[in-house]
């Protein structure tokens, strides 16, 4: 997957290809812009999942 973009959660850098260790990578993404937005997307997903879990607990 060398043509895919990744977000490195340790460094905050966006990388083209599988450069970093898998544990540090978020992705893959088709574009650099998508990878740059990874922290936002992760927060959105976490918030949505927490809301879903809270709803299930009711």
C-alpha atoms as a PDB file:
ATOM      1  CA  UNK A   1       0.000   0.000   0.000  1.00  0.00           C
ATOM      2  CA  UNK A   2       2.698   2.447  -0.915  1.00  0.00           C
ATOM      3  CA  UNK A   3       0.221   4.654  -2.756  1.00  0.00           C
ATOM      4  CA  UNK A   4      -1.895   5.262   0.344  1.00  0.00           C
ATOM      5  CA  UNK A   5      -1.559   7.996   2.954  1.00  0.00           C
ATOM      6  CA  UNK A   6      -1.247   7.331   6.677  1.00  0.00           C
ATOM      7  CA  UNK A   7      -1.398   9.467   9.804  1.00  0.00           C
ATOM      8  CA  UNK A   8       1.316   8.786  12.369  1.00  0.00           C
ATOM      9  CA  UNK A   9      -0.348   9.080  15.777  1.00  0.00           C
ATOM     10  CA  UNK A  10       2.991   9.357  17.602  1.00  0.00           C
ATOM     11  CA  UNK A  11       4.526  12.154  15.541  1.00  0.00           C
ATOM     12  CA  UNK A  12       1.402  13.802  14.109  1.00  0.00           C
ATOM     13  CA  UNK A  13       2.938  13.567  10.638  1.00  0.00           C
ATOM     14  CA  UNK A  14       1.247  12.407   7.446  1.00  0.00           C
ATOM     15  CA  UNK A  15       3.186   9.779   5.501  1.00  0.00           C
ATOM     16  CA  UNK A  16       2.937   8.329   2.011  1.00  0.00           C
ATOM     17  CA  UNK A  17       3.294   4.566   2.298  1.00  0.00           C
ATOM     18  CA  UNK A  18       3.811   2.286   5.262  1.00  0.00           C
ATOM     19  CA  UNK A  19       6.800   4.113   6.733  1.00  0.00           C
ATOM     20  CA  UNK A  20       6.081   3.930  10.464  1.00  0.00           C
ATOM     21  CA  UNK A  21       5.352   0.950  12.669  1.00  0.00           C
ATOM     22  CA  UNK A  22       1.809  -0.355  12.244  1.00  0.00           C
ATOM     23  CA  UNK A  23       0.930   0.474  15.870  1.00  0.00           C
ATOM     24  CA  UNK A  24       1.576   4.170  15.147  1.00  0.00           C
ATOM     25  CA  UNK A  25      -0.311   4.375  11.834  1.00  0.00           C
ATOM     26  CA  UNK A  26      -3.923   5.367  11.246  1.00  0.00           C
ATOM     27  CA  UNK A  27      -5.314   4.712   7.807  1.00  0.00           C
ATOM     28  CA  UNK A  28      -4.959   4.074   4.987  1.00  0.00           C
ATOM     29  CA  UNK A  29      -6.385   7.149   3.299  1.00  0.00           C
ATOM     30  CA  UNK A  30      -6.675   7.870  -0.414  1.00  0.00           C
ATOM     31  CA  UNK A  31      -5.510  11.473  -0.135  1.00  0.00           C
ATOM     32  CA  UNK A  32      -3.124  13.502   1.978  1.00  0.00           C
ATOM     33  CA  UNK A  33      -6.006  15.783   3.013  1.00  0.00           C
ATOM     34  CA  UNK A  34      -7.948  12.825   4.408  1.00  0.00           C
ATOM     35  CA  UNK A  35      -4.907  11.667   6.378  1.00  0.00           C
ATOM     36  CA  UNK A  36      -4.375  15.183   7.757  1.00  0.00           C
ATOM     37  CA  UNK A  37      -7.941  15.094   9.051  1.00  0.00           C
ATOM     38  CA  UNK A  38      -7.388  11.772  10.887  1.00  0.00           C
ATOM     39  CA  UNK A  39      -7.293  13.253  14.431  1.00  0.00           C
ATOM     40  CA  UNK A  40     -10.614  15.009  13.818  1.00  0.00           C
ATOM     41  CA  UNK A  41     -12.141  11.848  12.371  1.00  0.00           C
ATOM     42  CA  UNK A  42     -10.924   9.789  15.332  1.00  0.00           C
ATOM     43  CA  UNK A  43     -12.518  12.246  17.763  1.00  0.00           C
ATOM     44  CA  UNK A  44     -15.768  12.223  15.803  1.00  0.00           C
ATOM     45  CA  UNK A  45     -15.844   8.420  15.794  1.00  0.00           C
ATOM     46  CA  UNK A  46     -15.063   8.203  19.517  1.00  0.00           C
ATOM     47  CA  UNK A  47     -17.820  10.683  20.325  1.00  0.00           C
ATOM     48  CA  UNK A  48     -20.325   8.834  18.133  1.00  0.00           C
ATOM     49  CA  UNK A  49     -19.421   5.448  19.653  1.00  0.00           C
ATOM     50  CA  UNK A  50     -19.714   6.830  23.186  1.00  0.00           C
ATOM     51  CA  UNK A  51     -23.158   8.227  22.354  1.00  0.00           C
ATOM     52  CA  UNK A  52     -24.221   4.886  20.859  1.00  0.00           C
ATOM     53  CA  UNK A  53     -23.005   2.997  23.937  1.00  0.00           C
ATOM     54  CA  UNK A  54     -24.784   5.416  26.261  1.00  0.00           C
ATOM     55  CA  UNK A  55     -27.976   4.936  24.250  1.00  0.00           C
ATOM     56  CA  UNK A  56     -27.631   1.143  24.475  1.00  0.00           C
ATOM     57  CA  UNK A  57     -27.200   1.363  28.249  1.00  0.00           C
ATOM     58  CA  UNK A  58     -30.547   3.105  28.657  1.00  0.00           C
END
